[in-house]
Protein backbone atom coordinates (compact mmCIF):
# COMPACT_ATOMS: atom_id res chain seq x y z
CA UNK A 1 41.13 -38.99 76.50
CA UNK A 2 41.55 -42.37 78.17
CA UNK A 3 42.37 -45.28 75.90
CA UNK A 4 40.05 -48.25 75.72
CA UNK A 5 41.50 -51.10 77.76
CA UNK A 6 39.71 -53.93 75.96
CA UNK A 7 39.29 -54.37 72.19
CA UNK A 8 36.87 -56.76 70.53
CA UNK A 9 37.65 -58.17 67.08
CA UNK A 10 34.81 -59.59 65.00
CA UNK A 11 35.76 -61.63 61.97
CA UNK A 12 33.83 -61.82 58.68
CA UNK A 13 31.07 -59.37 59.54
CA UNK A 14 28.63 -59.47 56.64
CA UNK A 15 27.42 -56.51 54.59
CA UNK A 16 24.76 -57.00 51.92
CA UNK A 17 25.04 -54.89 48.80
CA UNK A 18 22.03 -53.60 46.83
CA UNK A 19 22.17 -56.55 44.42
CA UNK A 20 22.23 -59.12 47.23
CA UNK A 21 25.99 -59.81 47.10
CA UNK A 22 27.56 -60.21 50.53
CA UNK A 23 30.90 -58.60 51.37
CA UNK A 24 32.75 -59.34 54.59
CA UNK A 25 34.85 -57.23 56.94
CA UNK A 26 36.88 -57.63 60.08
CA UNK A 27 35.64 -55.16 62.67
CA UNK A 28 37.74 -53.84 65.57
CA UNK A 29 35.84 -52.05 68.34
CA UNK A 30 36.30 -50.82 71.88
CA UNK A 31 34.52 -53.01 74.39
CA UNK A 32 31.66 -51.36 76.24
CA UNK A 33 28.38 -49.69 75.44
CA UNK A 34 29.51 -46.26 74.16
CA UNK A 35 29.01 -45.14 70.57
CA UNK A 36 31.94 -44.30 68.29
CA UNK A 37 32.71 -43.07 64.76
CA UNK A 38 33.57 -45.77 62.24
CA UNK A 39 36.75 -45.84 60.13
CA UNK A 40 36.15 -47.90 56.99
CA UNK A 41 38.58 -49.16 54.40
CA UNK A 42 37.77 -51.28 51.35
CA UNK A 43 40.56 -53.20 49.63
CA UNK A 44 41.31 -56.28 47.45
CA UNK A 45 44.45 -57.57 49.21
CA UNK A 46 43.01 -59.50 52.16
CA UNK A 47 41.62 -57.83 55.26
CA UNK A 48 43.86 -59.87 57.54
CA UNK A 49 47.14 -59.47 55.66
CA UNK A 50 50.01 -57.17 56.77
CA UNK A 51 49.92 -55.08 53.58
CA UNK A 52 46.51 -53.89 54.75
CA UNK A 53 46.71 -53.89 58.55
CA UNK A 54 50.14 -52.22 58.69
CA UNK A 55 48.95 -49.01 57.01
CA UNK A 56 46.67 -47.95 59.84
CA UNK A 57 46.90 -49.85 63.13
CA UNK A 58 43.31 -50.91 63.72
CA UNK A 59 43.89 -51.92 67.34
CA UNK A 60 45.51 -48.57 68.11
CA UNK A 61 42.60 -46.77 66.45
CA UNK A 62 40.07 -48.82 68.38
CA UNK A 63 41.88 -48.02 71.61
CA UNK A 64 41.62 -44.37 70.60
CA UNK A 65 37.83 -44.57 70.38
CA UNK A 66 37.00 -45.72 66.86
CA UNK A 67 35.30 -48.72 65.33
CA UNK A 68 37.48 -49.90 62.43
CA UNK A 69 36.03 -51.96 59.57
CA UNK A 70 38.43 -53.55 57.07
CA UNK A 71 36.43 -54.94 54.17
CA UNK A 72 37.33 -57.24 51.28
CA UNK A 73 35.89 -55.78 48.09
CA UNK A 74 33.62 -57.74 45.80
CA UNK A 75 35.16 -60.94 44.48
CA UNK A 76 38.24 -60.87 46.71
CA UNK A 77 39.17 -63.17 49.59
CA UNK A 78 36.11 -63.59 51.85
CA UNK A 79 33.64 -61.49 49.85
CA UNK A 80 31.16 -62.85 47.35
CA UNK A 81 30.78 -61.77 43.74
CA UNK A 82 32.95 -61.47 40.66
CA UNK A 83 36.19 -59.52 40.82
CA UNK A 84 36.43 -56.79 38.22
CA UNK A 85 38.95 -54.09 39.17
CA UNK A 86 37.35 -50.71 39.89
CA UNK A 87 34.07 -51.50 38.18
CA UNK A 88 31.91 -52.09 41.28
CA UNK A 89 33.37 -49.64 43.76
CA UNK A 90 30.91 -46.77 43.19
CA UNK A 91 27.75 -48.59 44.31
CA UNK A 92 29.49 -50.99 46.68
CA UNK A 93 31.29 -48.06 48.26
CA UNK A 94 28.06 -46.19 48.95
CA UNK A 95 26.37 -49.30 50.35
CA UNK A 96 29.36 -50.15 52.54
CA UNK A 97 29.55 -46.66 54.04
CA UNK A 98 25.89 -46.80 55.00
CA UNK A 99 26.32 -50.34 56.34
CA UNK A 100 29.26 -49.16 58.48
CA UNK A 101 27.19 -46.28 59.85
CA UNK A 102 24.68 -48.80 61.23
CA UNK A 103 27.16 -51.15 62.88
CA UNK A 104 26.43 -51.85 66.55
CA UNK A 105 28.15 -49.17 68.62
CA UNK A 106 28.42 -46.73 65.70
CA UNK A 107 27.38 -43.13 66.27
CA UNK A 108 26.36 -42.92 62.60
CA UNK A 109 29.41 -41.09 61.25
CA UNK A 110 31.98 -42.71 58.96
CA UNK A 111 35.48 -41.79 57.88
CA UNK A 112 37.29 -43.66 55.11
CA UNK A 113 41.02 -44.32 54.91
CA UNK A 114 43.42 -46.36 52.84
CA UNK A 115 46.21 -46.28 50.27
CA UNK A 116 46.48 -47.12 46.59
CA UNK A 117 43.47 -49.22 45.49
CA UNK A 118 41.85 -48.67 48.88
CA UNK A 119 42.45 -44.97 48.40
CA UNK A 120 40.63 -45.14 45.07
CA UNK A 121 37.66 -46.90 46.70
CA UNK A 122 37.24 -43.80 48.87
CA UNK A 123 36.86 -41.52 45.86
CA UNK A 124 34.43 -43.81 44.11
CA UNK A 125 32.29 -44.03 47.24
CA UNK A 126 32.52 -40.29 47.90
CA UNK A 127 31.22 -39.15 44.50
CA UNK A 128 28.09 -41.23 45.20
CA UNK A 129 27.51 -38.95 48.22
CA UNK A 130 26.68 -41.44 50.96
CA UNK A 131 25.13 -39.26 53.71
CA UNK A 132 27.13 -40.88 56.53
CA UNK A 133 30.57 -40.22 55.01
CA UNK A 134 32.02 -37.28 56.96
CA UNK A 135 35.79 -37.52 56.42
CA UNK A 136 38.38 -39.07 54.08
CA UNK A 137 42.10 -39.77 54.10
CA UNK A 138 43.08 -40.96 50.59
CA UNK A 139 46.74 -41.98 50.40
CA UNK A 140 49.03 -42.64 47.41
CA UNK A 141 46.10 -43.09 45.05
CA UNK A 142 44.62 -41.90 41.80
CA UNK A 143 41.46 -40.41 40.38
CA UNK A 144 42.36 -40.37 36.68
CA UNK A 145 43.39 -43.69 35.15
CA UNK A 146 45.37 -41.95 32.40
CA UNK A 147 47.85 -40.36 34.81
CA UNK A 148 49.86 -43.17 36.39
CA UNK A 149 47.48 -46.11 36.70
CA UNK A 150 46.84 -47.40 33.18
CA UNK A 151 48.79 -44.78 31.24
CA UNK A 152 51.31 -42.00 31.74
CA UNK A 153 51.65 -39.45 28.98
CA UNK A 154 49.80 -41.79 26.64
CA UNK A 155 52.14 -44.72 27.36
CA UNK A 156 50.98 -47.90 29.09
CA UNK A 157 52.18 -48.42 32.65
CA UNK A 158 53.30 -51.91 31.67
CA UNK A 159 55.51 -52.49 34.70
CA UNK A 160 52.70 -51.70 37.11
CA UNK A 161 49.87 -53.41 35.28
CA UNK A 162 51.52 -56.78 34.63
CA UNK A 163 52.91 -56.96 38.16
CA UNK A 164 49.61 -55.97 39.79
CA UNK A 165 47.53 -58.35 37.65
CA UNK A 166 49.73 -61.42 37.98
CA UNK A 167 52.06 -60.84 40.88
CA UNK A 168 49.59 -59.32 43.35
CA UNK A 169 46.04 -60.39 42.46
CA UNK A 170 46.11 -63.69 40.57
CA UNK A 171 46.75 -66.17 43.37
CA UNK A 172 43.64 -65.31 45.39
CA UNK A 173 41.47 -65.66 42.27
CA UNK A 174 43.08 -69.01 41.51
CA UNK A 175 42.46 -70.30 45.03
CA UNK A 176 38.84 -69.07 44.98
CA UNK A 177 38.01 -70.62 41.63
CA UNK A 178 39.70 -73.99 42.12
CA UNK A 179 39.67 -74.39 45.90
CA UNK A 180 37.02 -77.10 45.58
CA UNK A 181 38.97 -79.07 42.98
CA UNK A 182 42.22 -80.00 44.64
CA UNK A 183 43.54 -82.01 41.70
CA UNK A 184 42.99 -79.13 39.28
CA UNK A 185 44.49 -76.71 41.79
CA UNK A 186 47.58 -78.90 42.14
CA UNK A 187 47.96 -78.70 38.38
CA UNK A 188 47.45 -74.95 37.97
CA UNK A 189 49.15 -73.57 41.07
CA UNK A 190 52.76 -74.36 40.03
CA UNK A 191 52.14 -72.84 36.60
CA UNK A 192 50.77 -69.64 38.13
CA UNK A 193 53.64 -69.40 40.60
CA UNK A 194 56.08 -69.92 37.74
CA UNK A 195 54.44 -67.04 35.88
CA UNK A 196 54.85 -64.79 38.91
CA UNK A 197 58.48 -65.80 39.38
CA UNK A 198 59.23 -65.05 35.71
CA UNK A 199 57.66 -61.59 35.55
CA UNK A 200 60.96 -59.83 34.71
CA UNK A 201 61.36 -62.09 31.67
CA UNK A 202 57.70 -61.79 30.68
CA UNK A 203 57.96 -58.03 30.27
CA UNK A 204 59.84 -58.77 27.04
CA UNK A 205 56.96 -60.75 25.51
CA UNK A 206 55.29 -59.31 22.42
CA UNK A 207 52.55 -58.98 21.48
CA UNK A 208 51.12 -58.17 24.90
CA UNK A 209 48.00 -60.20 24.21
CA UNK A 210 50.24 -63.28 24.37
CA UNK A 211 51.36 -62.63 27.93
CA UNK A 212 50.80 -65.80 29.96
CA UNK A 213 47.78 -66.32 32.19
CA UNK A 214 48.00 -70.10 32.66
CA UNK A 215 44.99 -70.42 34.97
CA UNK A 216 42.91 -67.80 33.12
CA UNK A 217 42.48 -65.79 36.32
CA UNK A 218 43.43 -62.32 35.05
CA UNK A 219 41.20 -61.63 32.02
CA UNK A 220 41.12 -57.95 33.01
CA UNK A 221 44.82 -57.74 32.15
CA UNK A 222 44.04 -58.37 28.49
CA UNK A 223 40.88 -56.30 28.69
CA UNK A 224 42.90 -53.29 29.80
CA UNK A 225 45.13 -53.56 26.73
CA UNK A 226 42.07 -53.07 24.51
CA UNK A 227 41.34 -49.62 25.95
CA UNK A 228 43.36 -46.71 24.59
CA UNK A 229 43.55 -43.22 26.04
CA UNK A 230 40.40 -42.20 24.15
CA UNK A 231 38.27 -45.09 25.49
CA UNK A 232 34.85 -44.25 26.96
CA UNK A 233 35.72 -46.49 29.91
CA UNK A 234 37.80 -43.71 31.45
CA UNK A 235 34.82 -41.34 31.34
CA UNK A 236 33.02 -43.80 33.59
CA UNK A 237 35.88 -44.47 36.01
CA UNK A 238 37.72 -41.14 36.25
CA UNK A 239 36.89 -38.82 39.15
CA UNK A 240 37.93 -35.74 37.15
CA UNK A 241 34.97 -33.40 36.85
CA UNK A 242 33.27 -35.00 39.85
CA UNK A 243 35.31 -33.72 42.80
CA UNK A 244 32.56 -31.15 43.37
CA UNK A 245 30.36 -34.06 44.43
CA UNK A 246 32.72 -34.99 47.27
CA UNK A 247 31.22 -33.56 50.44
CA UNK A 248 33.67 -34.94 53.00
CA UNK A 249 36.88 -33.05 53.90
CA UNK A 250 40.09 -34.73 52.76
CA UNK A 251 43.59 -35.44 54.06
CA UNK A 252 45.97 -36.46 51.23
CA UNK A 253 49.15 -38.51 51.63
CA UNK A 254 51.71 -38.71 48.81
CA UNK A 255 55.30 -39.73 48.10
CA UNK A 256 57.95 -38.14 45.90
CA UNK A 257 58.70 -41.54 44.34
CA UNK A 258 55.13 -42.81 44.09
CA UNK A 259 53.43 -43.87 40.86
CA UNK A 260 50.44 -41.75 41.89
CA UNK A 261 52.21 -38.59 43.07
CA UNK A 262 50.78 -36.54 40.22
CA UNK A 263 47.27 -37.67 41.07
CA UNK A 264 47.70 -37.01 44.79
CA UNK A 265 48.62 -33.40 44.04
CA UNK A 266 45.81 -33.00 41.49
CA UNK A 267 43.30 -34.33 44.02
CA UNK A 268 44.54 -31.93 46.66
CA UNK A 269 44.25 -29.03 44.19
CA UNK A 270 40.74 -30.06 43.17
CA UNK A 271 39.53 -30.31 46.76
CA UNK A 272 41.19 -27.00 47.64
CA UNK A 273 39.15 -25.33 44.90
CA UNK A 274 35.99 -27.06 46.14
CA UNK A 275 36.64 -25.88 49.70
CA UNK A 276 37.26 -22.28 48.55
CA UNK A 277 34.00 -22.19 46.60
CA UNK A 278 32.02 -23.68 49.46
CA UNK A 279 33.78 -21.94 52.31
CA UNK A 280 34.38 -25.32 53.95
CA UNK A 281 37.36 -27.00 55.61
CA UNK A 282 40.39 -26.97 53.27
CA UNK A 283 42.22 -30.21 52.52
CA UNK A 284 45.52 -31.14 54.13
CA UNK A 285 48.57 -32.63 52.48
CA UNK A 286 51.53 -34.76 53.59
CA UNK A 287 54.26 -35.73 51.09
CA UNK A 288 57.28 -37.81 52.12
CA UNK A 289 60.38 -39.15 50.33
CA UNK A 290 58.86 -42.59 49.90
CA UNK A 291 58.04 -45.08 47.17
CA UNK A 292 54.72 -46.90 46.74
CA UNK A 293 55.14 -48.74 50.04
CA UNK A 294 52.49 -48.48 52.75
CA UNK A 295 55.06 -48.86 55.55
CA UNK A 296 56.86 -45.65 54.42
CA UNK A 297 60.45 -46.60 55.33
CA UNK A 298 63.10 -43.88 55.62
CA UNK A 299 65.04 -45.19 52.61
CA UNK A 300 64.12 -45.12 48.93
CA UNK A 301 66.47 -46.70 46.44
CA UNK A 302 70.08 -45.71 47.11
CA UNK A 303 69.36 -43.05 49.74
CA UNK A 304 68.30 -43.07 53.38
CA UNK A 305 66.61 -39.82 54.37
CA UNK A 306 66.85 -40.24 58.14
CA UNK A 307 64.62 -41.37 60.98
CA UNK A 308 62.31 -38.36 60.83
CA UNK A 309 61.37 -39.42 57.28
CA UNK A 310 60.17 -42.82 58.45
CA UNK A 311 56.46 -43.60 58.64
CA UNK A 312 57.15 -44.83 62.15
CA UNK A 313 58.48 -41.48 63.36
CA UNK A 314 57.05 -38.80 61.08
CA UNK A 315 58.65 -35.44 61.78
CA UNK A 316 58.82 -36.43 65.45
CA UNK A 317 54.99 -36.32 65.58
CA UNK A 318 54.25 -40.04 65.76
CA UNK A 319 53.54 -42.63 63.09
CA UNK A 320 51.16 -42.73 60.12
CA UNK A 321 48.35 -43.99 62.34
CA UNK A 322 48.81 -41.00 64.66
CA UNK A 323 48.53 -38.63 61.70
CA UNK A 324 45.28 -40.30 60.68
CA UNK A 325 43.87 -40.21 64.17
CA UNK A 326 44.56 -36.51 64.60
CA UNK A 327 42.76 -35.84 61.33
CA UNK A 328 39.77 -38.00 62.25
CA UNK A 329 39.65 -36.56 65.77
CA UNK A 330 39.23 -33.11 64.23
CA UNK A 331 36.75 -34.09 61.53
CA UNK A 332 34.71 -36.80 63.27
CA UNK A 333 34.99 -35.82 66.95
CA UNK A 334 35.17 -32.01 66.67
CA UNK A 335 38.52 -31.98 68.45
CA UNK A 336 40.11 -29.18 66.42
CA UNK A 337 42.95 -28.81 68.89
CA UNK A 338 44.52 -32.03 67.57
CA UNK A 339 45.59 -30.15 64.42
CA UNK A 340 46.59 -26.83 65.96
CA UNK A 341 50.34 -27.49 66.04
CA UNK A 342 50.44 -29.19 62.62
CA UNK A 343 50.70 -27.10 59.41
CA UNK A 344 48.09 -27.83 56.70
CA UNK A 345 50.81 -28.88 54.24
CA UNK A 346 53.90 -30.82 55.28
CA UNK A 347 56.49 -31.85 52.71
CA UNK A 348 59.80 -33.59 53.20
CA UNK A 349 62.57 -31.74 51.40
CA UNK A 350 65.23 -34.10 50.16
CA UNK A 351 68.83 -32.97 50.13
CA UNK A 352 68.44 -31.06 53.38
CA UNK A 353 66.43 -34.05 54.69
CA UNK A 354 63.91 -32.24 56.83
CA UNK A 355 60.21 -31.50 56.87
CA UNK A 356 58.84 -28.09 55.97
CA UNK A 357 55.38 -26.81 56.78
CA UNK A 358 53.27 -24.50 54.62
CA UNK A 359 49.75 -23.11 54.56
CA UNK A 360 48.97 -24.56 51.13
CA UNK A 361 50.27 -26.12 47.95
CA UNK A 362 51.73 -24.79 45.67
CA UNK A 363 54.11 -23.33 48.21
CA UNK A 364 53.40 -19.63 48.82
CA UNK A 365 56.02 -17.42 47.22
CA UNK A 366 57.30 -20.11 44.87
CA UNK A 367 58.11 -19.28 41.26
CA UNK A 368 59.05 -21.09 38.08
CA UNK A 369 62.60 -21.02 36.73
CA UNK A 370 63.60 -22.42 33.38
CA UNK A 371 66.85 -24.18 32.61
CA UNK A 372 67.75 -24.44 28.92
CA UNK A 373 69.47 -27.16 26.92
CA UNK A 374 72.60 -26.13 25.01
CA UNK A 375 75.04 -27.75 22.63
CA UNK A 376 77.74 -29.81 24.29
CA UNK A 377 75.42 -31.25 26.95
CA UNK A 378 75.14 -28.00 28.92
CA UNK A 379 72.14 -27.04 31.08
CA UNK A 380 71.97 -23.33 31.88
CA UNK A 381 69.63 -20.50 32.86
CA UNK A 382 70.84 -18.69 29.74
CA UNK A 383 68.67 -18.93 26.63
CA UNK A 384 70.26 -20.96 23.83
CA UNK A 385 72.11 -19.62 20.80
CA UNK A 386 71.91 -20.97 17.26
CA UNK A 387 73.04 -24.57 17.20
CA UNK A 388 72.37 -27.84 15.43
CA UNK A 389 70.19 -30.43 17.18
CA UNK A 390 71.53 -33.35 19.18
CA UNK A 391 70.67 -36.77 17.76
CA UNK A 392 70.37 -40.36 18.89
CA UNK A 393 68.87 -43.63 17.69
CA UNK A 394 66.11 -45.27 19.67
CA UNK A 395 65.81 -49.01 19.03
CA UNK A 396 62.77 -50.70 20.63
CA UNK A 397 64.70 -53.97 20.57
CA UNK A 398 67.23 -52.43 22.98
CA UNK A 399 65.35 -49.87 25.10
CA UNK A 400 66.95 -47.98 27.95
CA UNK A 401 66.22 -49.98 31.11
CA UNK A 402 64.28 -48.75 34.11
CA UNK A 403 66.53 -47.74 37.00
CA UNK A 404 64.52 -46.66 40.03
CA UNK A 405 61.97 -43.90 40.07
CA UNK A 406 58.26 -44.07 40.80
CA UNK A 407 57.68 -47.79 40.35
CA UNK A 408 55.32 -50.55 41.42
CA UNK A 409 57.04 -53.61 40.01
CA UNK A 410 58.75 -56.82 41.16
CA UNK A 411 61.29 -56.13 43.87
CA UNK A 412 64.21 -56.82 41.54
CA UNK A 413 63.38 -53.37 40.13
CA UNK A 414 64.23 -51.25 43.15
CA UNK A 415 62.14 -48.09 43.19
CA UNK A 416 63.19 -44.68 44.41
CA UNK A 417 66.34 -42.54 44.30
CA UNK A 418 68.72 -44.60 42.15
CA UNK A 419 72.05 -43.83 40.48
CA UNK A 420 71.44 -43.27 36.75
CA UNK A 421 75.06 -43.48 35.59
CA UNK A 422 74.67 -46.89 33.89
CA UNK A 423 72.02 -45.41 31.59
CA UNK A 424 73.96 -42.20 31.03
CA UNK A 425 76.70 -44.24 29.34
CA UNK A 426 74.25 -45.34 26.62
CA UNK A 427 74.33 -43.62 23.20
CA UNK A 428 70.52 -43.27 23.24
CA UNK A 429 70.50 -41.13 26.42
CA UNK A 430 71.34 -37.44 26.07
CA UNK A 431 72.69 -35.70 29.16
CA UNK A 432 72.58 -31.96 29.90
CA UNK A 433 74.35 -30.79 33.05
CA UNK A 434 74.63 -27.46 34.86
CA UNK A 435 77.77 -25.97 36.28
CA UNK A 436 78.55 -26.77 39.89
CA UNK A 437 76.15 -24.88 42.15
CA UNK A 438 77.79 -22.23 44.32
CA UNK A 439 74.89 -22.21 46.79
CA UNK A 440 71.91 -24.31 47.76
CA UNK A 441 69.08 -24.36 45.18
CA UNK A 442 65.65 -25.34 46.49
CA UNK A 443 62.98 -26.77 44.22
CA UNK A 444 59.58 -27.52 45.79
CA UNK A 445 56.72 -27.91 43.38
CA UNK A 446 55.86 -28.74 39.79
CA UNK A 447 58.49 -29.94 37.32
CA UNK A 448 58.06 -30.18 33.56
CA UNK A 449 60.21 -30.34 30.48
CA UNK A 450 59.53 -28.69 27.14
CA UNK A 451 61.28 -30.49 24.30
CA UNK A 452 61.37 -29.43 20.68
CA UNK A 453 62.00 -32.68 18.88
CA UNK A 454 61.73 -34.43 15.54
CA UNK A 455 61.68 -38.12 14.75
CA UNK A 456 62.06 -40.27 11.68
CA UNK A 457 59.11 -42.35 12.93
CA UNK A 458 55.33 -41.77 12.65
CA UNK A 459 55.11 -42.27 16.40
CA UNK A 460 57.65 -42.50 19.20
CA UNK A 461 58.19 -41.59 22.87
CA UNK A 462 60.26 -39.02 24.74
CA UNK A 463 61.39 -39.38 28.35
CA UNK A 464 62.75 -36.54 30.50
CA UNK A 465 64.44 -37.18 33.85
CA UNK A 466 65.67 -34.69 36.47
CA UNK A 467 68.89 -35.80 38.16
CA UNK A 468 70.85 -34.57 41.19
CA UNK A 469 74.56 -34.97 40.46
CA UNK A 470 76.56 -35.37 43.67
CA UNK A 471 80.18 -34.24 44.05
CA UNK A 472 81.30 -37.89 44.05
CA UNK A 473 79.69 -38.41 40.62
CA UNK A 474 76.52 -40.20 41.68
CA UNK A 475 73.63 -39.20 39.42
CA UNK A 476 70.52 -39.70 41.57
CA UNK A 477 67.20 -39.66 39.76
CA UNK A 478 64.75 -37.15 41.23
CA UNK A 479 61.64 -37.28 39.03
CA UNK A 480 60.77 -38.06 35.43
CA UNK A 481 57.99 -38.26 32.87
CA UNK A 482 57.15 -39.63 29.46
CA UNK A 483 55.07 -38.49 26.50
CA UNK A 484 53.99 -40.45 23.45
CA UNK A 485 54.23 -38.31 20.33
CA UNK A 486 50.79 -39.37 19.09
CA UNK A 487 49.30 -38.40 22.48
CA UNK A 488 50.81 -34.91 22.56
CA UNK A 489 47.38 -33.26 22.23
CA UNK A 490 45.94 -35.37 25.05
CA UNK A 491 48.52 -34.01 27.52
CA UNK A 492 48.94 -30.40 26.34
CA UNK A 493 50.29 -29.05 29.65
CA UNK A 494 51.31 -30.31 33.10
CA UNK A 495 48.30 -31.61 34.99
CA UNK A 496 46.01 -31.31 31.96
CA UNK A 497 44.54 -34.48 30.48
CA UNK A 498 42.19 -34.31 27.52
CA UNK A 499 41.46 -37.82 26.18
CA UNK A 500 41.60 -37.60 22.41
CA UNK A 501 42.12 -40.05 19.62
CA UNK A 502 45.90 -40.29 19.13
CA UNK A 503 47.28 -38.61 16.02
CA UNK A 504 50.54 -39.58 14.29
CA UNK A 505 53.35 -37.15 13.68
CA UNK A 506 54.98 -36.28 10.36
CA UNK A 507 58.48 -37.77 10.24
CA UNK A 508 61.14 -35.08 10.26
CA UNK A 509 58.81 -32.32 11.47
CA UNK A 510 59.63 -30.47 14.70
CA UNK A 511 56.97 -30.63 17.42
CA UNK A 512 56.74 -29.18 20.92
CA UNK A 513 56.40 -31.83 23.61
CA UNK A 514 55.53 -30.71 27.14
CA UNK A 515 56.38 -33.59 29.48
CA UNK A 516 54.73 -33.48 32.89
CA UNK A 517 57.31 -34.67 35.42
CA UNK A 518 54.85 -34.09 38.27
CA UNK A 519 56.73 -32.53 41.19
CA UNK A 520 59.52 -32.80 43.71
CA UNK A 521 60.84 -31.33 46.93
CA UNK A 522 64.62 -31.16 47.00
CA UNK A 523 67.57 -28.94 47.84
CA UNK A 524 70.32 -29.26 45.25
CA UNK A 525 73.19 -28.61 47.61
CA UNK A 526 76.14 -26.35 46.90
CA UNK A 527 78.74 -28.38 45.03
CA UNK A 528 76.05 -30.45 43.29
CA UNK A 529 74.92 -30.06 39.68
CA UNK A 530 71.47 -30.21 38.08
CA UNK A 531 71.06 -32.58 35.16
CA UNK A 532 68.38 -33.39 32.60
CA UNK A 533 68.42 -36.73 30.80
CA UNK A 534 66.51 -37.09 27.52
CA UNK A 535 65.81 -40.46 25.93
CA UNK A 536 62.92 -42.45 24.45
CA UNK A 537 62.32 -45.35 26.82
CA UNK A 538 62.35 -46.58 30.40
CA UNK A 539 61.54 -50.25 30.00
CA UNK A 540 59.81 -52.22 31.40
CA UNK A 541 58.26 -49.54 33.57
CA UNK A 542 56.69 -48.02 30.47
CA UNK A 543 55.64 -49.98 27.40
CA UNK A 544 58.17 -49.49 24.63
CA UNK A 545 57.16 -47.66 21.47
CA UNK A 546 57.70 -49.70 18.30
CA UNK A 547 58.20 -46.51 16.22
CA UNK A 548 55.77 -47.83 13.60
CA UNK A 549 52.43 -46.48 14.85
CA UNK A 550 51.39 -50.05 15.72
CA UNK A 551 50.35 -51.14 19.20
CA UNK A 552 52.41 -53.64 21.19
CA UNK A 553 49.20 -55.38 22.23
CA UNK A 554 49.04 -57.02 18.81
CA UNK A 555 52.33 -56.21 17.07
CA UNK A 556 55.94 -57.34 17.40
CA UNK A 557 57.53 -55.38 14.58
CA UNK A 558 59.66 -52.42 15.59
CA UNK A 559 61.93 -50.02 13.74
CA UNK A 560 64.82 -47.84 14.79
CA UNK A 561 63.92 -44.14 15.06
CA UNK A 562 66.35 -41.30 14.56
CA UNK A 563 65.55 -38.67 17.18
CA UNK A 564 66.56 -35.00 17.14
CA UNK A 565 66.44 -32.68 20.16
CA UNK A 566 66.59 -28.99 19.25
CA UNK A 567 68.05 -26.19 21.37
CA UNK A 568 68.13 -22.94 19.43
CA UNK A 569 66.31 -19.60 19.87
CA UNK A 570 63.31 -20.81 17.89
CA UNK A 571 63.23 -24.19 19.64
CA UNK A 572 64.43 -23.54 23.19
CA UNK A 573 64.15 -26.94 24.85
CA UNK A 574 64.16 -26.67 28.63
CA UNK A 575 63.24 -28.01 32.02
CA UNK A 576 61.14 -25.86 34.36
CA UNK A 577 61.53 -26.13 38.13
CA UNK A 578 59.40 -24.52 40.83
CA UNK A 579 61.79 -22.85 43.26
CA UNK A 580 61.56 -21.21 46.67
CA UNK A 581 64.01 -19.15 48.64
CA UNK A 582 66.23 -21.44 50.69
C-alpha cells in the first residue's frame, strides 16, 4: 500500500459532548478525498506533548492511511469542563467515538489506542458500546482500581497517587484556573513548583490529609484518601464484571515492571474468555521488560536487555507504532495478512534476553512449582521440617525503602530491575535463598507467595519479593507484591479481588496470607540463585502500615510490630512460580 505523501494537521477540532461541554482534539489526516478509519485516543496530559505523541506516531499512522484524533479529556488543557479523574470517561468516551466516526474523511469505523490513563479511557468508552468502535489497543493500563491504581493488596499506592496528582496533573489545572489573574498566578506558581520539587520529602508527611496542595488544584487527591477498598465508588469505576459488554477485539501491551502488569494480564484473560464464548477474534498480548514508560527503552533499572527489547526495534519487527498499525490493519481494514507472521502472544524473557511467541497466555504446557521457606534462610523445593518461626520487628517510623520495581514515582526513585542488597542488610528483611542452580530455570507466568505469619499488631502488612541472585552477588528484583492483613479476605487468591470491609487480625494468631506478585518472564541462569525476600514495607511506593489499625489519612501514631514467619509442615510458607521447559 502506497504511503500518503501529504499529511494535514488540524488543531483544536471541537467535539460537543451530550451535556454541551466542548472537548478539543488535534486531528492528523492524509490529504485527498479518500475515506479512512479513525484512530482515537483520549488523554489528560496535553494532546501536543511528547508523552502523548511519542507513544503512537500520528504522522506515520496518517501516512499509513488513518485519520488520528488526539483528544484532551474534559477539564484538561484545551478542553472545557471540570477535571475529575475517571469520573466522566464513560459518557465522554462514547460521545467522542461517535464524533470521531463522523469526522470528514472518516469511513465510519473507529479504533482506540493509548497507554495508562488513555488506556483506561478505552475501557470506559468500550463498556458503553459505541456502535462505531471496532478495535482497541489498551496499553499498560487498568480496569480495577484496587489492583495497582489506588490500592495493591489493600494498601494505598501512595507513591503513584501523590506523584500523579501533584507532579503530573497539578500545573495544568493551576494555569487554567489562574491564567486570567497574572498576579495571583505569580504568587501560586512558585509554591506549586516547590511542592513538586519536594515530593520525595512530602511522602513522609502524616496524616495524609495534611499533604500540601498550595493552590488547591488537586482536591481529588484528598478525596481518594477517603475511599477504602470497600467503597461503592469502585463498583462504579471498575470494569470487572463488564468485559462482556466490550464488543471490539483487543490488543494488550504490558511490561514486567509496570504498575498495571497485573491488570493487563487480567484484561487479556477476560477478553480471551469473552472471545471463546462468542467465537470471535481472540485478543493478542505483548509484554516487554519495561517500566511504566511509553517510550519503552531497552533498559529498566540496573539492566539493559538489548536492542531487540527496545520499543524502537521490537523483536526486529519495527517499533510500537508498527505493532499498532498491523493490528489496526487487520481489524479495521480486513488485512489479516499483516498478522500472519506474528504470534498471538509475544513475551520478552529476561535472563536469556529474547522474545518468545506463544498461542495464548498462560503459556501452553506451563505448570506451577512451589519453593518452600526453611530455617536458616534456605529456599528449597523440599517441604519444610519442624522448625521455629523467623522473627523481625517492623517499625513504621523506619520502613524498608523502595528500591526499584513496578513504580510510577519521581525519577529519583528509579523503577525496574534494581539491586536489592541494601535492603537485604536490614534486620526487618528476611532473606531465603536457593542453592546455586545447575541448569537454566525458566519461569513465565503467574507468581505468588503463601506466607503463614503472625503479628503482635491488630493490623500490619507483608511484602514478598522475588529476586534473581547473580554469581557476582547482585540481587536483582524481579517482581513483588504486598498484602494488608486486614484486607486478606478481599484478596483471597492471585487475581481475585472481592471488595469487603477490612477486618482486623488477632495479635499472635497465625494467618495464611496469599500475596499476588502478578507475573514474570525470566530465565534464572545456571550459576544463579532464586531468592525470596519477606518484609513489611516498601516505602514510599506503598503507604506504610502504622500497626495500630488506624489509617494514615488521619493518624500519625505508629507502633512497632513483632512479626513471625512460619515454615513448618503445618505452616509451609512458600513462593509459587509458573515454569516452562527451557
